[in-house]
Protein backbone atom coordinates (compact mmCIF):
# COMPACT_ATOMS: atom_id res chain seq x y z
CA UNK A 1 114.68 31.31 -9.52
CA UNK A 2 112.60 34.37 -10.46
CA UNK A 3 109.40 34.04 -12.42
CA UNK A 4 109.22 36.19 -15.51
CA UNK A 5 106.08 38.30 -15.56
CA UNK A 6 104.34 39.33 -18.76
CA UNK A 7 103.39 42.98 -18.96
CA UNK A 8 101.08 44.46 -21.55
CA UNK A 9 99.34 47.62 -22.60
CA UNK A 10 95.60 47.30 -22.11
CA UNK A 11 93.14 49.59 -23.89
CA UNK A 12 89.73 49.54 -22.18
CA UNK A 13 86.47 50.57 -23.86
CA UNK A 14 83.30 51.08 -21.82
CA UNK A 15 79.75 50.26 -22.88
CA UNK A 16 76.47 52.13 -23.24
CA UNK A 17 75.15 54.38 -20.46
CA UNK A 18 78.58 54.13 -18.85
CA UNK A 19 81.91 55.96 -19.01
CA UNK A 20 85.63 55.56 -18.15
CA UNK A 21 84.98 55.53 -14.39
CA UNK A 22 83.81 51.90 -14.59
CA UNK A 23 87.40 50.72 -15.19
CA UNK A 24 89.07 52.56 -12.30
CA UNK A 25 89.52 49.58 -9.96
CA UNK A 26 90.60 47.26 -12.81
CA UNK A 27 93.12 49.84 -14.01
CA UNK A 28 94.63 50.09 -10.54
CA UNK A 29 95.02 46.29 -10.35
CA UNK A 30 96.61 46.06 -13.79
CA UNK A 31 98.98 48.99 -13.22
CA UNK A 32 100.04 47.61 -9.83
CA UNK A 33 101.29 44.56 -11.72
CA UNK A 34 103.41 46.61 -14.10
CA UNK A 35 101.01 46.93 -17.03
CA UNK A 36 100.11 50.09 -18.90
CA UNK A 37 96.42 50.98 -19.13
CA UNK A 38 94.63 53.39 -21.44
CA UNK A 39 90.93 54.03 -20.88
CA UNK A 40 89.07 55.47 -23.85
CA UNK A 41 86.20 57.88 -23.30
CA UNK A 42 83.83 57.38 -26.20
CA UNK A 43 82.43 60.58 -27.76
CA UNK A 44 79.08 61.51 -26.24
CA UNK A 45 79.87 59.73 -22.96
CA UNK A 46 81.32 60.76 -19.63
CA UNK A 47 82.41 64.38 -19.84
CA UNK A 48 82.53 64.44 -23.66
CA UNK A 49 79.87 66.67 -25.22
CA UNK A 50 80.22 65.83 -28.91
CA UNK A 51 76.89 66.61 -30.58
CA UNK A 52 74.74 63.50 -30.49
CA UNK A 53 73.54 63.71 -34.09
CA UNK A 54 77.17 63.53 -35.34
CA UNK A 55 77.96 60.24 -33.62
CA UNK A 56 78.35 56.90 -35.39
CA UNK A 57 79.98 53.58 -34.55
CA UNK A 58 82.81 54.62 -36.87
CA UNK A 59 83.36 57.81 -34.85
CA UNK A 60 83.68 55.65 -31.73
CA UNK A 61 86.11 53.26 -33.43
CA UNK A 62 88.26 56.11 -34.72
CA UNK A 63 88.58 57.50 -31.17
CA UNK A 64 89.99 54.14 -30.06
CA UNK A 65 92.30 53.93 -33.09
CA UNK A 66 93.67 57.38 -32.20
CA UNK A 67 94.46 56.14 -28.69
CA UNK A 68 96.26 53.03 -29.96
CA UNK A 69 98.17 54.47 -32.94
CA UNK A 70 101.02 56.12 -30.96
CA UNK A 71 101.73 52.96 -28.92
CA UNK A 72 104.87 51.13 -30.07
CA UNK A 73 103.68 47.63 -29.20
CA UNK A 74 100.66 45.45 -29.82
CA UNK A 75 97.92 46.08 -27.28
CA UNK A 76 95.22 44.01 -25.62
CA UNK A 77 91.94 45.69 -26.54
CA UNK A 78 89.02 45.16 -24.17
CA UNK A 79 85.38 46.02 -24.85
CA UNK A 80 82.28 45.76 -22.67
CA UNK A 81 78.67 45.58 -23.88
CA UNK A 82 78.23 48.15 -26.69
CA UNK A 83 82.03 48.51 -26.57
CA UNK A 84 82.19 45.06 -28.16
CA UNK A 85 80.83 46.60 -31.35
CA UNK A 86 83.48 49.31 -31.13
CA UNK A 87 86.46 47.02 -30.56
CA UNK A 88 85.30 44.76 -33.40
CA UNK A 89 85.43 47.71 -35.79
CA UNK A 90 88.84 48.70 -34.41
CA UNK A 91 90.08 45.16 -35.09
CA UNK A 92 88.97 45.62 -38.70
CA UNK A 93 90.79 48.95 -38.98
CA UNK A 94 94.12 48.11 -37.27
CA UNK A 95 94.45 44.34 -36.82
CA UNK A 96 98.25 44.50 -36.82
CA UNK A 97 98.23 46.74 -33.72
CA UNK A 98 96.30 44.24 -31.60
CA UNK A 99 97.68 41.33 -29.61
CA UNK A 100 94.21 40.15 -28.61
CA UNK A 101 90.66 41.46 -28.30
CA UNK A 102 88.78 40.62 -25.11
CA UNK A 103 84.98 40.86 -24.97
CA UNK A 104 83.39 41.19 -21.51
CA UNK A 105 79.62 40.63 -21.55
CA UNK A 106 79.79 42.31 -24.93
CA UNK A 107 78.05 42.44 -28.27
CA UNK A 108 80.12 40.57 -30.85
CA UNK A 109 78.73 41.11 -34.35
CA UNK A 110 79.05 39.30 -37.62
CA UNK A 111 79.63 41.38 -40.74
CA UNK A 112 76.56 43.49 -41.46
CA UNK A 113 75.02 43.18 -38.00
CA UNK A 114 74.17 46.25 -35.94
CA UNK A 115 73.88 46.23 -32.18
CA UNK A 116 70.12 46.56 -32.53
CA UNK A 117 70.04 43.39 -34.67
CA UNK A 118 71.74 41.43 -31.90
CA UNK A 119 69.73 43.01 -29.10
CA UNK A 120 66.39 42.35 -30.81
CA UNK A 121 67.41 38.70 -31.26
CA UNK A 122 67.78 38.23 -27.48
CA UNK A 123 64.37 37.25 -26.02
CA UNK A 124 65.85 36.79 -22.54
CA UNK A 125 67.19 40.33 -22.21
CA UNK A 126 65.30 42.55 -19.78
CA UNK A 127 66.70 45.78 -21.23
CA UNK A 128 64.33 46.38 -24.15
CA UNK A 129 61.12 46.97 -22.19
CA UNK A 130 62.99 49.48 -20.00
CA UNK A 131 64.24 51.73 -22.80
CA UNK A 132 62.74 55.18 -23.36
CA UNK A 133 63.42 56.92 -26.67
CA UNK A 134 63.76 60.70 -26.77
CA UNK A 135 61.33 62.76 -28.84
CA UNK A 136 64.04 63.54 -31.40
CA UNK A 137 65.05 59.84 -31.60
CA UNK A 138 68.69 60.76 -30.89
CA UNK A 139 69.04 59.26 -27.42
CA UNK A 140 67.79 56.35 -25.35
CA UNK A 141 67.17 56.46 -21.61
CA UNK A 142 66.89 53.53 -19.21
CA UNK A 143 63.96 53.37 -16.81
CA UNK A 144 65.65 54.70 -13.67
CA UNK A 145 63.71 52.35 -11.40
CA UNK A 146 65.37 49.40 -13.15
CA UNK A 147 68.83 50.85 -13.85
CA UNK A 148 70.57 49.12 -10.94
CA UNK A 149 68.71 45.82 -11.38
CA UNK A 150 69.77 45.74 -15.01
CA UNK A 151 73.39 46.83 -14.78
CA UNK A 152 74.75 46.01 -11.33
CA UNK A 153 72.27 44.11 -9.16
CA UNK A 154 75.18 42.32 -7.44
CA UNK A 155 77.27 45.40 -6.71
CA UNK A 156 78.06 47.15 -3.43
CA UNK A 157 76.07 50.20 -2.38
CA UNK A 158 79.02 52.37 -3.45
CA UNK A 159 79.22 50.73 -6.89
CA UNK A 160 75.48 51.14 -7.42
CA UNK A 161 75.73 54.81 -6.48
CA UNK A 162 78.55 55.29 -9.00
CA UNK A 163 76.32 53.97 -11.77
CA UNK A 164 73.50 56.31 -10.73
CA UNK A 165 75.75 59.36 -10.34
CA UNK A 166 77.45 58.91 -13.71
CA UNK A 167 74.38 57.96 -15.75
CA UNK A 168 73.53 59.86 -18.92
CA UNK A 169 71.32 59.06 -21.89
CA UNK A 170 72.84 56.94 -24.65
CA UNK A 171 73.28 58.21 -28.24
CA UNK A 172 71.08 56.02 -30.41
CA UNK A 173 72.46 56.40 -33.96
CA UNK A 174 75.59 54.24 -33.43
CA UNK A 175 73.44 51.40 -32.14
CA UNK A 176 71.88 51.04 -35.61
CA UNK A 177 75.16 51.17 -37.60
CA UNK A 178 76.02 47.77 -39.15
CA UNK A 179 79.46 46.29 -38.54
CA UNK A 180 81.85 46.23 -41.48
CA UNK A 181 84.09 43.20 -40.83
CA UNK A 182 86.24 40.97 -43.04
CA UNK A 183 87.97 37.63 -42.52
CA UNK A 184 91.19 39.17 -43.84
CA UNK A 185 91.38 41.80 -41.07
CA UNK A 186 88.94 41.31 -38.17
CA UNK A 187 89.12 37.56 -38.65
CA UNK A 188 92.88 37.40 -38.06
CA UNK A 189 92.83 38.87 -34.54
CA UNK A 190 92.81 36.47 -31.59
CA UNK A 191 89.64 36.86 -29.50
CA UNK A 192 88.71 35.95 -25.93
CA UNK A 193 85.21 36.17 -24.44
CA UNK A 194 84.43 36.64 -20.74
CA UNK A 195 80.83 35.56 -20.11
CA UNK A 196 78.78 37.36 -17.48
CA UNK A 197 76.66 34.59 -16.03
CA UNK A 198 74.02 36.68 -14.19
CA UNK A 199 73.60 39.13 -17.07
CA UNK A 200 70.04 40.29 -17.83
CA UNK A 201 71.12 42.89 -20.42
CA UNK A 202 72.93 40.48 -22.76
CA UNK A 203 71.68 37.01 -21.87
CA UNK A 204 74.01 34.03 -21.64
CA UNK A 205 72.03 32.52 -24.52
CA UNK A 206 72.99 35.40 -26.82
CA UNK A 207 76.55 35.41 -25.48
CA UNK A 208 76.88 31.70 -26.33
CA UNK A 209 75.48 32.24 -29.81
CA UNK A 210 77.89 35.12 -30.55
CA UNK A 211 80.84 33.11 -29.21
CA UNK A 212 79.91 30.19 -31.45
CA UNK A 213 79.34 32.37 -34.52
CA UNK A 214 82.75 34.02 -34.04
CA UNK A 215 84.50 30.68 -33.51
CA UNK A 216 86.05 31.82 -30.21
CA UNK A 217 87.92 29.01 -28.45
CA UNK A 218 89.04 30.79 -25.25
CA UNK A 219 86.09 31.56 -23.01
CA UNK A 220 86.21 32.60 -19.35
CA UNK A 221 83.28 33.14 -16.99
CA UNK A 222 82.44 35.56 -14.18
CA UNK A 223 79.45 34.90 -11.95
CA UNK A 224 78.26 38.51 -12.07
CA UNK A 225 75.69 40.83 -13.55
CA UNK A 226 76.37 43.07 -16.56
CA UNK A 227 79.09 45.19 -14.86
CA UNK A 228 81.72 42.79 -13.44
CA UNK A 229 84.45 45.45 -13.37
CA UNK A 230 82.36 47.24 -10.73
CA UNK A 231 81.04 44.27 -8.75
CA UNK A 232 84.09 41.95 -8.99
CA UNK A 233 87.00 44.07 -10.30
CA UNK A 234 89.75 41.79 -8.96
CA UNK A 235 88.23 38.81 -10.78
CA UNK A 236 88.12 40.83 -14.00
CA UNK A 237 91.70 42.09 -13.68
CA UNK A 238 92.91 38.54 -12.94
CA UNK A 239 91.23 37.29 -16.13
CA UNK A 240 92.71 40.16 -18.15
CA UNK A 241 96.15 39.26 -16.80
CA UNK A 242 95.49 35.66 -17.81
CA UNK A 243 94.44 36.84 -21.27
CA UNK A 244 97.72 38.70 -21.57
CA UNK A 245 99.95 35.65 -21.11
């Protein structure tokens, strides 16, 4: 007797100070099991040079909506860190196009909350003291001496080097944009949260609070720092496959 396998289309959204490269190993795992994978490069990240002062959380969300719109099936939308804010807004815009939304060590707002609101409410995060604002207030840098400790303390030397090599300053305006979410749209989409247990950017205390506030019932855990797709990609891809069942 053959076992029927479930295949899905996964749309992956990276977080702040990162870019599409972080998903490469996870994409390979998912595609090797017959799934389709789309990785979204947010404007102002990676190789995209959209002017920083034009960026908003809505601009990010619209980029993801554009990637999903042509797909003729419901997708599993995955967001990490700041990407959790993005995928939440996408769920508000196109709930009928989403099978599930998966948050990985991600910000998960309530209506009206900005990322900065959530971040400032997290006394156990070690990120805040290591942020450096640009003179024009348009970008935020991370203290380079702490970059690896914050984002991938548990990663291999190669993974740590990837984070260093691909680093660029983060646009700051979108981080202050409040989420616009309703029970009628965002509230109807099934959500899964993958907790990052060694995270010092978004503490487990804040993760638990956001999970509770959102009423999420399906919660998985990875015993990693803030970037599990780099330090434990096979664990992450296995959980995403599980989420797709």
